[in-house]
Each structure stands twice: as structure tokens, then as C-alpha cells.
């Protein structure tokens, strides 16, 4: 595998072109660029950044391949009104546990002009949601989670996952968990303009540094909501 040197000008050019010409004919005509400037740097990035993330999340999993840490470029259009066949961005993911059922992980989206980076869970499955709600019945645990989320917000991240309007049956009504129990998932993320590091080998250090700020949230989710 080649050494990671950044998602450079050619990667951004390919993503911008795909966004403007989102059809099979254009994609097939530019498949060589897809392989060289999308897949290859993504694989190298995953391998390099995974070794850095292991230092503060030792149980993290990462696989430098499509359908591993690299999401497929093809969109699932079966139930979507938008029938454009391809994503105009690169989605990458490092997770803990079994990939298909992973509760939490570190994620990154790269567009031609900006990035989206974060950690946590975009949505709990039924069992995880039940465990999360149970934890929110305990004031001490709800306060501890609130403290973690406030720390993430002070670091510039936004908290996502609030979904429900009313607390579930069985919630004991403690004030600390009253808002959190309305969440259907829990993640912290930030969207930024393209950082200078994106086109260099330093981008792995950039991402690892940002993800490390969210490692406490990831650890809390795995310890308190992860399968027993």
C-alpha cells in the first residue's frame, strides 16, 4: 500500500467533477481517476490514521478497503427521489465491535471544498436505545454524559441525535436526563472549510487530534450503551 500524502488537487477535482456530472457515462470515463485519486489515497489514509487512533481508542477497528472503512461511492437510490447514482464525497469510518452492528466510531466526510468530522452513533438500534434510556434514569450518569457533551461543544462540535418529543414510559423524570432521553442516537461533529492539511500527509494528524477530543464520548457510549 502506498504512503499517504494527502487528498490533493486531483482528488478534489474528481469530486467536483462527479458532483457536476453525476451519471454512469462520466464516471466510467473517469474510473482511472476514481481509482487513483479516490480509492488509493483513502486506503492509505485509513491505514495511517488508524494507527494513530489506536493510541487513544485501542479497540478501534479499521479496514483500508471499500465496504470496510471506505464507504461505497454508489448511492442507494431504491427509496430515494434523488436518482443520481454516485456520492460526490468520500465517506470514511473507524468503528468498535462488529462493523454491521457497531454502536460508535469515528467518521469523516470529504467534499471538494469542506470536510465533516465527528464521532458517536447516528442512530441506536432497538436494544441500544433501551440501554441508553435506562442509563438516563440515573442522575449521576446523565450528569456525567452532559458534562462530556458540554466539553465537546466547547471544543467546537455540535451535538446531534435529538429525535423524540416526549420521554418514554418508565423514565423516572430526573432533571439531568430529561433532555437526553429524547435522543435516538448521539454524536458530536463539525463541518469545516477545507483545512490546509487535507492535501498533505499531516491530515492524519489533524483528524486524529480532532477525534481524540471526542474519544471520551465514544468511550462512554461503548461502556454504558454497548452490548453487555
Protein backbone atom coordinates (compact mmCIF):
# COMPACT_ATOMS: atom_id res chain seq x y z
CA UNK A 1 0.00 0.00 0.00
CA UNK A 2 1.29 3.46 -0.88
CA UNK A 3 2.19 6.03 1.76
CA UNK A 4 -0.48 8.62 2.49
CA UNK A 5 0.45 12.01 1.06
CA UNK A 6 -2.91 13.77 1.30
CA UNK A 7 -6.17 14.20 -0.60
CA UNK A 8 -4.71 16.59 -3.12
CA UNK A 9 -5.83 18.71 -6.04
CA UNK A 10 -6.66 15.74 -8.26
CA UNK A 11 -8.93 14.22 -5.61
CA UNK A 12 -10.81 17.47 -5.19
CA UNK A 13 -11.01 17.89 -8.97
CA UNK A 14 -12.53 14.41 -9.30
CA UNK A 15 -15.10 15.05 -6.56
CA UNK A 16 -16.07 18.40 -8.05
CA UNK A 17 -16.42 16.84 -11.48
CA UNK A 18 -18.52 13.99 -10.16
CA UNK A 19 -20.82 16.46 -8.47
CA UNK A 20 -21.37 18.30 -11.74
CA UNK A 21 -21.59 15.18 -13.95
CA UNK A 22 -23.29 12.60 -11.76
CA UNK A 23 -24.01 9.85 -14.27
CA UNK A 24 -22.62 6.47 -15.21
CA UNK A 25 -21.10 7.58 -18.51
CA UNK A 26 -18.98 10.28 -16.87
CA UNK A 27 -17.98 8.00 -14.00
CA UNK A 28 -16.87 5.18 -16.28
CA UNK A 29 -14.89 7.61 -18.41
CA UNK A 30 -13.10 8.75 -15.24
CA UNK A 31 -12.75 5.40 -13.47
CA UNK A 32 -8.95 5.63 -13.62
CA UNK A 33 -9.12 8.91 -11.69
CA UNK A 34 -11.55 7.33 -9.22
CA UNK A 35 -9.07 4.52 -8.54
CA UNK A 36 -6.02 6.78 -8.37
CA UNK A 37 -7.38 9.82 -6.53
CA UNK A 38 -10.32 8.47 -4.53
CA UNK A 39 -9.65 4.84 -3.60
CA UNK A 40 -5.86 4.82 -3.28
CA UNK A 41 -5.48 7.87 -1.02
CA UNK A 42 -8.48 6.72 1.03
CA UNK A 43 -6.87 3.33 1.64
CA UNK A 44 -3.57 4.94 2.58
CA UNK A 45 -5.31 7.42 4.87
CA UNK A 46 -7.26 4.72 6.72
CA UNK A 47 -4.13 2.67 7.34
CA UNK A 48 -2.14 5.67 8.56
CA UNK A 49 -4.80 7.35 10.70
CA UNK A 50 -5.97 4.06 12.20
CA UNK A 51 -2.58 3.54 13.81
CA UNK A 52 -2.85 7.00 15.39
CA UNK A 53 -6.41 6.45 16.63
CA UNK A 54 -5.41 3.15 18.23
CA UNK A 55 -3.30 5.12 20.70
CA UNK A 56 -6.41 6.63 22.37
CA UNK A 57 -9.03 4.08 21.25
CA UNK A 58 -7.17 0.74 21.42
CA UNK A 59 -10.20 -1.36 20.48
CA UNK A 60 -10.93 0.53 17.28
CA UNK A 61 -11.23 -1.37 14.01
CA UNK A 62 -10.27 -0.06 10.58
CA UNK A 63 -10.05 -1.75 7.21
CA UNK A 64 -8.49 0.08 4.23
CA UNK A 65 -10.96 -1.21 1.65
CA UNK A 66 -14.37 -0.48 0.15
CA UNK A 67 -17.14 -1.82 2.43
CA UNK A 68 -14.62 -1.67 5.28
CA UNK A 69 -13.59 1.80 6.39
CA UNK A 70 -14.31 3.19 2.93
CA UNK A 71 -17.99 3.52 2.05
CA UNK A 72 -19.12 2.70 -1.46
CA UNK A 73 -19.33 5.61 -3.90
CA UNK A 74 -22.65 4.24 -5.21
CA UNK A 75 -25.77 5.68 -3.67
CA UNK A 76 -28.70 3.52 -2.59
CA UNK A 77 -31.44 5.04 -4.76
CA UNK A 78 -34.14 2.40 -4.25
CA UNK A 79 -36.28 4.54 -1.94
CA UNK A 80 -34.96 7.99 -2.83
CA UNK A 81 -36.45 10.64 -5.07
CA UNK A 82 -32.90 11.66 -5.94
CA UNK A 83 -31.77 9.12 -8.54
CA UNK A 84 -28.23 10.39 -9.04
CA UNK A 85 -26.14 7.21 -8.84
CA UNK A 86 -23.00 8.41 -7.02
CA UNK A 87 -21.94 10.25 -3.88
CA UNK A 88 -19.94 13.39 -4.61
CA UNK A 89 -17.84 12.89 -1.47
CA UNK A 90 -15.68 10.32 0.32
CA UNK A 91 -17.08 8.71 3.48
CA UNK A 92 -14.69 7.01 5.90
CA UNK A 93 -15.32 5.26 9.21
CA UNK A 94 -13.42 3.61 12.06
CA UNK A 95 -15.55 1.60 14.47
CA UNK A 96 -15.51 -0.57 17.57
CA UNK A 97 -17.05 -4.04 17.66
CA UNK A 98 -18.70 -5.75 14.71
CA UNK A 99 -18.93 -3.43 11.72
CA UNK A 100 -22.57 -4.09 10.87
CA UNK A 101 -23.75 -3.62 14.44
CA UNK A 102 -21.16 -1.12 15.67
CA UNK A 103 -22.56 1.27 18.26
CA UNK A 104 -19.98 4.03 17.96
CA UNK A 105 -16.99 5.09 15.92
CA UNK A 106 -15.11 7.97 14.31
CA UNK A 107 -16.31 9.27 10.95
CA UNK A 108 -15.11 11.62 8.23
CA UNK A 109 -16.67 13.01 5.07
CA UNK A 110 -14.53 14.75 2.46
CA UNK A 111 -16.08 17.06 -0.13
CA UNK A 112 -14.14 19.04 -2.68
CA UNK A 113 -14.39 22.21 -0.60
CA UNK A 114 -15.03 21.12 3.02
CA UNK A 115 -14.93 18.26 5.49
CA UNK A 116 -17.35 16.85 8.05
CA UNK A 117 -15.80 15.05 11.03
CA UNK A 118 -17.13 13.53 14.23
CA UNK A 119 -17.73 10.56 16.48
CA UNK A 120 -20.52 8.64 18.15
CA UNK A 121 -23.71 6.99 16.95
CA UNK A 122 -26.01 8.37 14.26
CA UNK A 123 -28.82 6.11 15.50
CA UNK A 124 -29.27 3.48 18.21
CA UNK A 125 -30.82 0.14 17.33
CA UNK A 126 -33.73 -1.03 19.47
CA UNK A 127 -31.59 -2.75 22.10
CA UNK A 128 -29.06 0.08 22.35
CA UNK A 129 -31.85 2.66 22.64
CA UNK A 130 -33.32 0.70 25.54
CA UNK A 131 -29.93 0.56 27.29
CA UNK A 132 -29.33 4.27 26.71
CA UNK A 133 -32.71 5.20 28.16
CA UNK A 134 -32.08 3.01 31.17
CA UNK A 135 -28.82 4.85 31.87
CA UNK A 136 -30.61 8.19 31.69
CA UNK A 137 -32.76 7.10 34.64
CA UNK A 138 -29.66 7.53 36.79
CA UNK A 139 -28.95 11.16 37.59
CA UNK A 140 -25.22 10.61 38.15
CA UNK A 141 -24.78 9.00 34.72
CA UNK A 142 -26.90 11.62 32.99
CA UNK A 143 -24.81 14.39 34.56
CA UNK A 144 -21.59 12.68 33.52
CA UNK A 145 -22.79 12.45 29.91
CA UNK A 146 -23.98 16.07 29.95
CA UNK A 147 -20.51 17.11 31.08
CA UNK A 148 -18.92 15.21 28.18
CA UNK A 149 -21.25 16.82 25.67
CA UNK A 150 -20.60 20.31 27.02
CA UNK A 151 -16.87 19.66 26.72
CA UNK A 152 -17.35 18.66 23.08
CA UNK A 153 -19.39 21.80 22.41
CA UNK A 154 -16.70 23.99 23.95
CA UNK A 155 -14.24 22.35 21.55
CA UNK A 156 -16.42 23.49 18.63
CA UNK A 157 -18.53 20.38 17.96
CA UNK A 158 -22.31 20.22 17.54
CA UNK A 159 -24.37 17.52 19.25
CA UNK A 160 -26.88 15.55 17.18
CA UNK A 161 -29.44 12.85 17.78
CA UNK A 162 -32.41 14.53 19.49
CA UNK A 163 -35.50 12.99 17.92
CA UNK A 164 -38.39 12.34 20.30
CA UNK A 165 -40.80 14.92 21.70
CA UNK A 166 -41.83 13.07 24.83
CA UNK A 167 -39.89 10.88 27.29
CA UNK A 168 -40.59 7.14 27.14
CA UNK A 169 -42.62 5.22 29.65
CA UNK A 170 -40.56 4.19 32.64
CA UNK A 171 -38.36 7.29 32.69
CA UNK A 172 -38.03 8.42 36.29
CA UNK A 173 -38.13 12.11 35.45
CA UNK A 174 -34.77 13.21 36.85
CA UNK A 175 -33.87 16.66 35.53
CA UNK A 176 -30.37 15.67 34.37
CA UNK A 177 -31.68 13.09 31.91
CA UNK A 178 -34.89 14.83 30.84
CA UNK A 179 -33.48 16.17 27.57
CA UNK A 180 -31.06 13.35 26.81
CA UNK A 181 -33.75 10.70 27.00
CA UNK A 182 -35.27 12.27 23.88
CA UNK A 183 -32.25 11.25 21.79
CA UNK A 184 -32.45 8.38 19.29
CA UNK A 185 -28.69 8.45 18.66
CA UNK A 186 -25.83 10.55 19.95
CA UNK A 187 -22.93 12.04 18.04
CA UNK A 188 -20.72 15.11 18.03
CA UNK A 189 -19.50 16.57 14.76
CA UNK A 190 -18.20 19.64 13.00
CA UNK A 191 -18.26 20.85 9.38
CA UNK A 192 -15.35 22.98 8.27
CA UNK A 193 -13.95 24.56 5.15
CA UNK A 194 -11.16 22.56 3.57
CA UNK A 195 -8.23 22.65 6.01
CA UNK A 196 -4.73 23.26 4.60
CA UNK A 197 -3.67 19.84 5.92
CA UNK A 198 -6.13 17.99 3.67
CA UNK A 199 -3.71 17.87 0.75
CA UNK A 200 -0.74 16.75 2.85
CA UNK A 201 0.38 13.80 4.97
CA UNK A 202 -0.40 15.94 8.04
CA UNK A 203 -4.12 15.34 7.51
CA UNK A 204 -3.91 12.11 9.52
CA UNK A 205 -2.54 14.07 12.50
CA UNK A 206 -5.26 16.69 12.03
CA UNK A 207 -8.06 14.10 12.11
CA UNK A 208 -6.57 12.10 14.97
CA UNK A 209 -6.23 15.27 17.03
CA UNK A 210 -9.87 16.21 16.45
CA UNK A 211 -11.16 12.68 17.07
CA UNK A 212 -9.16 12.47 20.31
CA UNK A 213 -11.29 15.34 21.64
CA UNK A 214 -14.34 13.10 21.11
CA UNK A 215 -12.80 9.91 22.47
CA UNK A 216 -14.45 10.41 25.92
CA UNK A 217 -17.89 10.40 24.26
CA UNK A 218 -17.01 7.28 22.28
CA UNK A 219 -15.77 5.52 25.41
CA UNK A 220 -18.90 6.49 27.34
CA UNK A 221 -21.16 5.06 24.65
CA UNK A 222 -19.22 1.83 24.47
CA UNK A 223 -19.10 1.40 28.26
CA UNK A 224 -22.66 2.45 29.11
CA UNK A 225 -24.70 1.61 25.99
CA UNK A 226 -22.65 -1.13 24.32
CA UNK A 227 -23.93 -4.70 24.38
CA UNK A 228 -23.25 -6.48 27.65
